[in-house]
Amino acid sequence: MDFSMTEDQVIFKSTAKKFFEEKCTTPSLTEFEKSKEQYSPSFYQELADLGFLGLIVPEEYGGIDGDLMDLSIIVEEAGKAMFSAPFVSTLVNGVLPILNFGTEEQKKALLPQIIEGKSIVTGAMIESQAHYDLSYVKARASKSGDGYTLNGTKLFVKFAETADYFLTLARTDNKEDGSKEGLSLFLVKNDATIKKQALQSIGSDKLFEVEFQNVQLTKNDLLGNENEGWAAVDKLNQLATALQCVEMAGLLRRALDLTTDYVKERTQFNRPIGSFQSVQHRLSDIYTIVEGGQLAALQAIWRLNEGMSAEKEIAVAKAWLCKEGQKVLVGTHQLHGGMGIDMDYPLQFAFRRFKSMEVELGSAPIHLKKIASTFKTNKVAEVIHS
């Protein structure tokens, strides 16, 4: 693995860094969160104008024809900026699903609209009994003439009021809940008939409960083949989790940078507190965690980019960032003292965004279980009895 950047990637990084630093000031983030949309539509449009939404889209559909490693650079910078908008959501629920499973007709119709910032896509997957294991989805798309009738309730849907499409998973046959068969993936056009109820969230992303009642779908709304949605969702969840890990690593890096700057300026006993050995040791521990998380995330992205299996690497990255990331946020807040919990100070954005991402797409125990499942049972038994 070689994580050194190409000339193009250096340009991507510098452009993204400058853009996010200028736009994501603490007053701006506070203003965005208090707005009706909880993000800035004009800011999102500027992001699209820079080409970031089309970074991995082939040129024939209006994109830049980059790869996942290129995209990870932008997502990491977004994480550092503590950026809240349907940017990553549209990438993982719109761009990547359409590229991987869409028909040629769907790609030509939808990708240019997404790239230009005219269409926003969000994920509507989770249900009350199907949070991490989507095989327990109960939403049903029943056959209705040449199309389907969709019924079901989805939870924790980001930006549901402003999204143009929902990517959702529903049952299209009579298999029992818990079966990975008989599931299909749909892109559902948002409209006023779909009920949306706002939910409370610790993070800055606006969450909703979305209820589909007799929503009429056509065959053109189906993404991939009927009853083969599980394989598609499994692949998309891996891509989404790997990118989320990169974003989390960027967010933790920002917390580290904020704290490093603070301990250089905060004085006690007529000297900066950063000169005390105990503070230096604490920051060294935090730095080690952040570096490890970033490398684990990049390894997962690299393997996916190369077409290799990355299930274990993704689980390692997410489990590490969730478990050890808590130590980063606790440590940085403790080194700040009371300043760290001031709502006018940027560290609180890092803490709240981290807590929401910590449980999204699987918490640490979920991913630790995935890691354990990769071990051969007999080998584990040999270790236990040795």
Protein backbone atom coordinates (compact mmCIF):
# COMPACT_ATOMS: atom_id res chain seq x y z
CA MET A 1 0.00 0.00 0.00
CA ASP A 2 1.21 3.46 -0.92
CA PHE A 3 -0.75 6.34 0.58
CA SER A 4 1.44 9.08 -0.88
CA MET A 5 -0.66 11.49 -2.93
CA THR A 6 -0.50 12.07 -6.67
CA GLU A 7 -0.27 15.58 -8.11
CA ASP A 8 -4.01 15.60 -8.73
CA GLN A 9 -4.72 14.45 -5.18
CA VAL A 10 -2.52 17.23 -3.77
CA ILE A 11 -4.67 19.70 -5.72
CA PHE A 12 -7.88 18.05 -4.49
CA LYS A 13 -6.67 18.28 -0.89
CA SER A 14 -5.52 21.89 -1.05
CA THR A 15 -8.74 22.97 -2.79
CA ALA A 16 -10.95 21.14 -0.29
CA LYS A 17 -8.93 22.36 2.70
CA LYS A 18 -9.14 26.00 1.61
CA PHE A 19 -12.83 25.73 0.79
CA PHE A 20 -13.89 24.07 4.04
CA GLU A 21 -11.71 26.33 6.22
CA GLU A 22 -13.25 29.43 4.65
CA LYS A 23 -16.83 28.21 4.83
CA CYS A 24 -16.97 26.16 8.04
CA THR A 25 -16.14 28.77 10.65
CA THR A 26 -17.69 28.30 14.07
CA PRO A 27 -20.26 31.11 13.56
CA SER A 28 -21.19 29.61 10.18
CA LEU A 29 -21.65 26.10 11.58
CA THR A 30 -23.83 27.50 14.36
CA GLU A 31 -25.90 29.45 11.83
CA PHE A 32 -26.31 26.39 9.59
CA GLU A 33 -27.52 24.23 12.46
CA LYS A 34 -30.11 26.78 13.56
CA SER A 35 -31.53 27.14 10.04
CA LYS A 36 -34.62 25.27 8.84
CA GLU A 37 -32.55 22.89 6.69
CA GLN A 38 -29.74 22.60 9.29
CA TYR A 39 -27.24 23.13 6.47
CA SER A 40 -26.53 25.80 3.88
CA PRO A 41 -28.07 25.06 0.44
CA SER A 42 -25.88 27.72 -1.17
CA PHE A 43 -22.79 26.19 0.40
CA TYR A 44 -23.87 22.77 -0.86
CA GLN A 45 -24.26 24.20 -4.37
CA GLU A 46 -20.74 25.63 -4.23
CA LEU A 47 -19.52 22.17 -3.26
CA ALA A 48 -21.20 20.76 -6.35
CA ASP A 49 -19.76 23.53 -8.53
CA LEU A 50 -16.27 22.49 -7.42
CA GLY A 51 -16.97 19.01 -8.79
CA PHE A 52 -16.75 17.15 -5.49
CA LEU A 53 -20.09 15.38 -5.99
CA GLY A 54 -18.90 14.04 -9.33
CA LEU A 55 -15.38 13.16 -8.31
CA ILE A 56 -15.76 9.41 -8.82
CA VAL A 57 -18.31 9.61 -11.62
CA PRO A 58 -17.07 8.76 -15.15
CA GLU A 59 -16.67 11.67 -17.56
CA GLU A 60 -19.43 10.34 -19.82
CA TYR A 61 -21.96 11.24 -17.10
CA GLY A 62 -20.40 14.62 -16.36
CA GLY A 63 -17.96 13.55 -13.64
CA ILE A 64 -14.22 13.80 -13.08
CA ASP A 65 -13.50 10.05 -13.29
CA GLY A 66 -11.58 9.84 -10.02
CA ASP A 67 -11.51 6.91 -7.59
CA LEU A 68 -12.26 6.14 -3.96
CA MET A 69 -8.83 7.27 -2.81
CA ASP A 70 -9.46 10.66 -4.42
CA LEU A 71 -12.86 10.86 -2.77
CA SER A 72 -11.48 9.92 0.65
CA ILE A 73 -9.30 13.04 0.58
CA ILE A 74 -12.34 15.29 0.22
CA VAL A 75 -14.35 13.37 2.82
CA GLU A 76 -11.48 13.61 5.34
CA GLU A 77 -11.31 17.38 4.87
CA ALA A 78 -15.09 17.56 5.33
CA GLY A 79 -14.62 15.65 8.59
CA LYS A 80 -11.95 18.08 9.77
CA ALA A 81 -14.29 20.96 9.02
CA MET A 82 -17.08 19.25 11.01
CA PHE A 83 -19.17 19.89 7.91
CA SER A 84 -22.87 19.08 8.18
CA ALA A 85 -24.76 18.79 4.87
CA PRO A 86 -26.17 16.00 2.66
CA PHE A 87 -22.78 15.70 0.93
CA VAL A 88 -21.60 12.27 2.13
CA SER A 89 -25.22 11.10 2.31
CA THR A 90 -25.74 11.86 -1.39
CA LEU A 91 -22.47 10.14 -2.27
CA VAL A 92 -23.18 6.88 -0.43
CA ASN A 93 -26.93 6.73 -1.09
CA GLY A 94 -27.00 8.25 -4.55
CA VAL A 95 -23.76 8.32 -6.53
CA LEU A 96 -22.31 4.98 -5.42
CA PRO A 97 -25.56 2.93 -5.64
CA ILE A 98 -26.39 4.29 -9.09
CA LEU A 99 -22.86 3.72 -10.35
CA ASN A 100 -22.75 0.17 -9.02
CA PHE A 101 -26.30 -1.05 -9.62
CA GLY A 102 -28.11 1.44 -11.81
CA THR A 103 -29.11 0.83 -15.41
CA GLU A 104 -27.61 2.92 -18.17
CA GLU A 105 -30.87 4.84 -18.34
CA GLN A 106 -30.77 5.57 -14.59
CA LYS A 107 -27.14 6.70 -14.75
CA LYS A 108 -27.79 9.11 -17.61
CA ALA A 109 -30.92 10.52 -15.99
CA LEU A 110 -29.83 10.80 -12.35
CA LEU A 111 -26.06 11.23 -12.12
CA PRO A 112 -25.85 14.60 -13.95
CA GLN A 113 -28.60 15.97 -11.69
CA ILE A 114 -26.73 14.84 -8.56
CA ILE A 115 -23.37 16.12 -9.80
CA GLU A 116 -24.83 19.56 -10.51
CA GLY A 117 -26.28 19.74 -6.99
CA LYS A 118 -29.86 19.64 -8.28
CA SER A 119 -30.76 16.32 -6.62
CA ILE A 120 -30.06 15.25 -3.03
CA VAL A 121 -30.27 11.60 -1.98
CA THR A 122 -30.54 10.21 1.52
CA GLY A 123 -30.75 6.71 2.98
CA ALA A 124 -33.98 5.32 4.43
CA MET A 125 -32.92 1.86 5.56
CA ILE A 126 -33.22 1.53 9.33
CA GLU A 127 -36.38 0.28 11.06
CA SER A 128 -37.23 -0.21 14.72
CA GLN A 129 -36.35 -3.92 14.55
CA ALA A 130 -33.68 -3.58 11.84
CA HIS A 131 -30.99 -1.18 12.95
CA TYR A 132 -27.71 -2.93 12.19
CA ASP A 133 -29.06 -6.14 10.66
CA LEU A 134 -31.18 -5.07 7.70
CA SER A 135 -32.31 -8.63 7.02
CA TYR A 136 -35.10 -7.89 9.53
CA VAL A 137 -36.58 -5.14 7.38
CA LYS A 138 -40.39 -5.27 7.32
CA ALA A 139 -41.12 -2.53 4.78
CA ARG A 140 -42.84 -4.16 1.83
CA ALA A 141 -43.05 -3.31 -1.85
CA SER A 142 -45.99 -5.34 -3.12
CA LYS A 143 -46.53 -5.98 -6.80
CA SER A 144 -49.08 -3.57 -8.26
CA GLY A 145 -49.64 -3.88 -11.99
CA ASP A 146 -46.31 -3.20 -13.70
CA GLY A 147 -44.90 -1.58 -10.56
CA TYR A 148 -44.98 -1.75 -6.76
CA THR A 149 -46.83 -0.30 -3.78
CA LEU A 150 -44.46 0.60 -0.94
CA ASN A 151 -45.48 0.56 2.72
CA GLY A 152 -43.28 0.82 5.80
CA THR A 153 -41.66 3.14 8.34
CA LYS A 154 -37.99 4.09 8.36
CA LEU A 155 -36.01 5.72 11.18
CA PHE A 156 -33.08 8.13 11.50
CA VAL A 157 -33.34 9.39 7.94
CA LYS A 158 -31.06 12.36 7.38
CA PHE A 159 -32.32 15.55 5.69
CA ALA A 160 -35.63 13.91 4.78
CA GLU A 161 -37.41 17.23 4.21
CA THR A 162 -34.92 18.52 1.65
CA ALA A 163 -33.91 15.24 -0.03
CA ASP A 164 -35.16 14.59 -3.56
CA TYR A 165 -34.81 10.80 -3.32
CA PHE A 166 -34.75 8.12 -0.63
CA LEU A 167 -32.64 5.00 -1.11
CA THR A 168 -34.64 2.33 0.67
CA LEU A 169 -34.75 -1.43 1.17
CA ALA A 170 -38.03 -3.36 1.11
CA ARG A 171 -39.32 -6.91 0.85
CA THR A 172 -40.63 -7.93 -2.55
CA ASP A 173 -41.58 -11.54 -1.78
CA ASN A 174 -43.03 -13.56 1.10
CA LYS A 175 -39.79 -14.53 2.84
CA GLU A 176 -39.84 -14.22 6.63
CA ASP A 177 -38.20 -11.35 8.48
CA GLY A 178 -34.55 -12.18 9.03
CA SER A 179 -34.12 -13.69 5.59
CA LYS A 180 -31.54 -12.13 3.30
CA GLU A 181 -33.55 -13.26 0.31
CA GLY A 182 -36.47 -11.39 -1.21
CA LEU A 183 -35.13 -7.89 -0.51
CA SER A 184 -35.01 -5.17 -3.18
CA LEU A 185 -33.45 -1.74 -3.38
CA PHE A 186 -35.45 1.28 -4.55
CA LEU A 187 -34.86 4.96 -5.27
CA VAL A 188 -38.06 6.63 -4.09
CA LYS A 189 -38.92 10.14 -5.27
CA ASN A 190 -39.72 12.39 -2.31
CA ASP A 191 -43.05 14.22 -2.28
CA ALA A 192 -45.61 15.69 0.10
CA THR A 193 -47.52 12.40 0.46
CA ILE A 194 -44.60 10.80 2.30
CA LYS A 195 -44.92 11.56 6.01
CA LYS A 196 -41.84 12.93 7.74
CA GLN A 197 -41.54 13.43 11.51
CA ALA A 198 -38.48 15.20 12.94
CA LEU A 199 -36.50 13.32 15.61
CA GLN A 200 -34.17 14.64 18.28
CA SER A 201 -30.47 14.11 17.62
CA ILE A 202 -27.26 14.91 19.46
CA GLY A 203 -25.52 15.55 16.15
CA SER A 204 -25.92 18.45 13.75
CA ASP A 205 -27.53 16.33 11.01
CA LYS A 206 -31.32 16.61 11.00
CA LEU A 207 -32.98 13.20 11.48
CA PHE A 208 -36.51 12.06 10.65
CA GLU A 209 -38.94 9.19 10.87
CA VAL A 210 -40.25 8.57 7.35
CA GLU A 211 -43.49 6.72 6.71
CA PHE A 212 -44.27 5.29 3.29
CA GLN A 213 -48.02 4.75 2.86
CA ASN A 214 -49.13 3.22 -0.43
CA VAL A 215 -46.34 4.94 -2.34
CA GLN A 216 -46.56 3.95 -6.00
CA LEU A 217 -43.29 2.88 -7.63
CA THR A 218 -42.43 1.84 -11.17
CA LYS A 219 -39.87 -0.69 -12.37
CA ASN A 220 -37.60 2.27 -13.14
CA ASP A 221 -37.43 3.00 -9.40
CA LEU A 222 -35.89 -0.43 -8.77
CA LEU A 223 -32.10 -0.28 -8.34
CA GLY A 224 -30.51 -3.56 -9.37
CA ASN A 225 -32.46 -6.78 -9.74
CA GLU A 226 -35.62 -7.65 -7.86
CA ASN A 227 -35.04 -9.80 -4.75
CA GLU A 228 -31.26 -9.24 -4.95
CA GLY A 229 -31.10 -6.19 -2.74
CA TRP A 230 -29.17 -7.81 0.10
CA ALA A 231 -25.93 -8.21 -1.87
CA ALA A 232 -26.24 -4.63 -3.08
CA VAL A 233 -26.86 -3.22 0.40
CA ASP A 234 -23.99 -5.25 1.85
CA LYS A 235 -21.57 -3.74 -0.67
CA LEU A 236 -22.95 -0.24 -0.22
CA ASN A 237 -22.72 -0.50 3.58
CA GLN A 238 -19.06 -1.42 3.26
CA LEU A 239 -18.41 1.61 1.05
CA ALA A 240 -20.41 3.88 3.34
CA THR A 241 -18.70 2.64 6.51
CA ALA A 242 -15.22 2.96 5.02
CA LEU A 243 -15.92 6.56 3.97
CA GLN A 244 -17.46 7.28 7.37
CA CYS A 245 -14.26 6.04 9.02
CA VAL A 246 -12.24 8.50 6.93
CA GLU A 247 -14.61 11.28 7.96
CA MET A 248 -14.33 10.28 11.64
CA ALA A 249 -10.54 10.26 11.40
CA GLY A 250 -10.66 13.80 9.98
CA LEU A 251 -13.00 14.92 12.77
CA LEU A 252 -10.72 13.50 15.48
CA ARG A 253 -7.75 15.17 13.79
CA ARG A 254 -9.56 18.49 14.12
CA ALA A 255 -10.15 17.89 17.82
CA LEU A 256 -6.43 17.17 18.22
CA ASP A 257 -5.44 20.31 16.28
CA LEU A 258 -7.78 22.50 18.32
CA THR A 259 -6.35 21.14 21.56
CA THR A 260 -2.74 21.45 20.44
CA ASP A 261 -3.30 25.10 19.63
CA TYR A 262 -5.15 25.67 22.90
CA VAL A 263 -2.47 24.23 25.20
CA LYS A 264 0.11 26.45 23.51
CA GLU A 265 -1.89 29.56 24.40
CA ARG A 266 -3.45 28.65 27.77
CA THR A 267 -1.06 29.61 30.57
CA GLN A 268 -0.82 28.47 34.17
CA PHE A 269 1.98 29.22 36.62
CA ASN A 270 3.30 31.73 34.06
CA ARG A 271 3.87 29.14 31.37
CA PRO A 272 1.82 27.44 28.63
CA ILE A 273 0.12 24.30 29.92
CA GLY A 274 1.47 22.50 26.85
CA SER A 275 4.92 22.67 28.42
CA PHE A 276 3.87 20.32 31.23
CA GLN A 277 4.93 16.73 30.70
CA SER A 278 1.57 15.23 31.68
CA VAL A 279 -0.19 17.33 29.03
CA GLN A 280 2.38 16.31 26.42
CA HIS A 281 1.89 12.63 27.28
CA ARG A 282 -1.87 12.99 26.96
CA LEU A 283 -1.56 14.65 23.56
CA SER A 284 0.89 11.95 22.44
CA ASP A 285 -1.66 9.27 23.30
CA ILE A 286 -4.34 11.16 21.38
CA TYR A 287 -2.05 11.62 18.38
CA THR A 288 -1.31 7.90 18.30
CA ILE A 289 -5.01 7.05 18.28
CA VAL A 290 -5.77 9.52 15.48
CA GLU A 291 -2.89 8.30 13.33
CA GLY A 292 -3.91 4.68 13.84
CA GLY A 293 -7.52 5.43 12.95
CA GLN A 294 -6.56 7.29 9.80
CA LEU A 295 -4.27 4.50 8.60
CA ALA A 296 -6.90 1.83 9.32
CA ALA A 297 -9.52 3.82 7.39
CA LEU A 298 -7.20 4.39 4.44
CA GLN A 299 -6.30 0.71 4.32
CA ALA A 300 -10.00 -0.17 4.07
CA ILE A 301 -10.59 2.41 1.33
CA TRP A 302 -7.50 1.26 -0.59
CA ARG A 303 -8.63 -2.37 -0.56
CA LEU A 304 -12.10 -1.41 -1.79
CA ASN A 305 -10.54 0.77 -4.47
CA GLU A 306 -8.43 -2.17 -5.65
CA GLY A 307 -11.46 -4.47 -5.78
CA MET A 308 -10.26 -6.54 -2.83
CA SER A 309 -12.20 -7.88 0.14
CA ALA A 310 -12.20 -5.32 2.94
CA GLU A 311 -14.83 -6.53 5.40
CA LYS A 312 -12.35 -7.17 8.20
CA GLU A 313 -10.37 -3.98 7.53
CA ILE A 314 -13.54 -1.88 7.64
CA ALA A 315 -14.59 -3.51 10.91
CA VAL A 316 -11.14 -2.90 12.42
CA ALA A 317 -11.22 0.78 11.41
CA LYS A 318 -14.74 1.42 12.72
CA ALA A 319 -14.22 -0.49 15.98
CA TRP A 320 -10.93 1.35 16.63
CA LEU A 321 -12.32 4.78 15.84
CA CYS A 322 -15.43 4.22 17.97
CA LYS A 323 -13.66 2.81 21.03
CA GLU A 324 -10.47 4.86 20.97
CA GLY A 325 -12.13 7.94 19.54
CA GLN A 326 -14.01 8.30 22.81
CA LYS A 327 -10.63 8.69 24.53
CA VAL A 328 -9.68 11.39 22.05
CA LEU A 329 -12.81 13.45 22.71
CA VAL A 330 -12.65 12.93 26.49
CA GLY A 331 -8.97 13.85 26.52
CA THR A 332 -9.34 16.95 24.39
CA HIS A 333 -12.25 18.19 26.50
CA GLN A 334 -10.34 17.60 29.72
CA LEU A 335 -7.32 19.49 28.43
CA HIS A 336 -9.59 22.38 27.49
CA GLY A 337 -11.35 22.44 30.85
CA GLY A 338 -14.56 24.47 30.89
CA MET A 339 -13.76 26.01 27.52
CA GLY A 340 -14.31 22.63 25.84
CA ILE A 341 -18.05 22.59 26.53
CA ASP A 342 -18.69 26.21 25.52
CA MET A 343 -21.26 26.13 22.69
CA ASP A 344 -19.46 29.05 21.03
CA TYR A 345 -16.27 26.99 20.82
CA PRO A 346 -15.79 24.48 17.94
CA LEU A 347 -14.88 21.43 20.04
CA GLN A 348 -18.52 20.76 20.90
CA PHE A 349 -19.29 20.25 17.21
CA ALA A 350 -16.62 17.53 17.07
CA PHE A 351 -18.02 15.77 20.13
CA ARG A 352 -21.63 15.81 18.95
CA ARG A 353 -20.87 14.72 15.38
CA PHE A 354 -18.66 11.92 16.70
CA LYS A 355 -21.38 10.60 19.00
CA SER A 356 -23.89 10.43 16.14
CA MET A 357 -21.42 8.68 13.81
CA GLU A 358 -20.37 6.29 16.58
CA VAL A 359 -23.70 4.45 16.44
CA GLU A 360 -24.41 4.94 12.75
CA LEU A 361 -23.50 2.01 10.45
CA GLY A 362 -22.62 -0.16 13.42
CA SER A 363 -21.14 0.62 16.84
CA ALA A 364 -17.88 -0.83 18.16
CA PRO A 365 -19.45 -4.07 19.55
CA ILE A 366 -21.10 -4.77 16.20
CA HIS A 367 -17.81 -4.47 14.34
CA LEU A 368 -15.83 -6.35 16.97
CA LYS A 369 -18.27 -9.22 16.45
CA LYS A 370 -17.58 -9.04 12.70
CA ILE A 371 -13.84 -9.24 13.36
CA ALA A 372 -14.33 -12.26 15.62
CA SER A 373 -16.35 -14.00 12.91
CA THR A 374 -13.33 -13.90 10.59
CA PHE A 375 -11.36 -16.17 12.92
CA LYS A 376 -11.56 -19.91 12.40
CA THR A 377 -13.32 -21.56 15.32
CA ASN A 378 -10.72 -24.28 15.70
CA LYS A 379 -7.89 -21.72 15.76
CA VAL A 380 -9.65 -19.75 18.51
CA ALA A 381 -10.11 -22.97 20.50
CA GLU A 382 -6.41 -23.77 20.13
CA VAL A 383 -5.47 -20.35 21.52
CA ILE A 384 -7.89 -20.69 24.45
CA HIS A 385 -6.56 -24.12 25.43
CA SER A 386 -2.87 -23.39 24.86
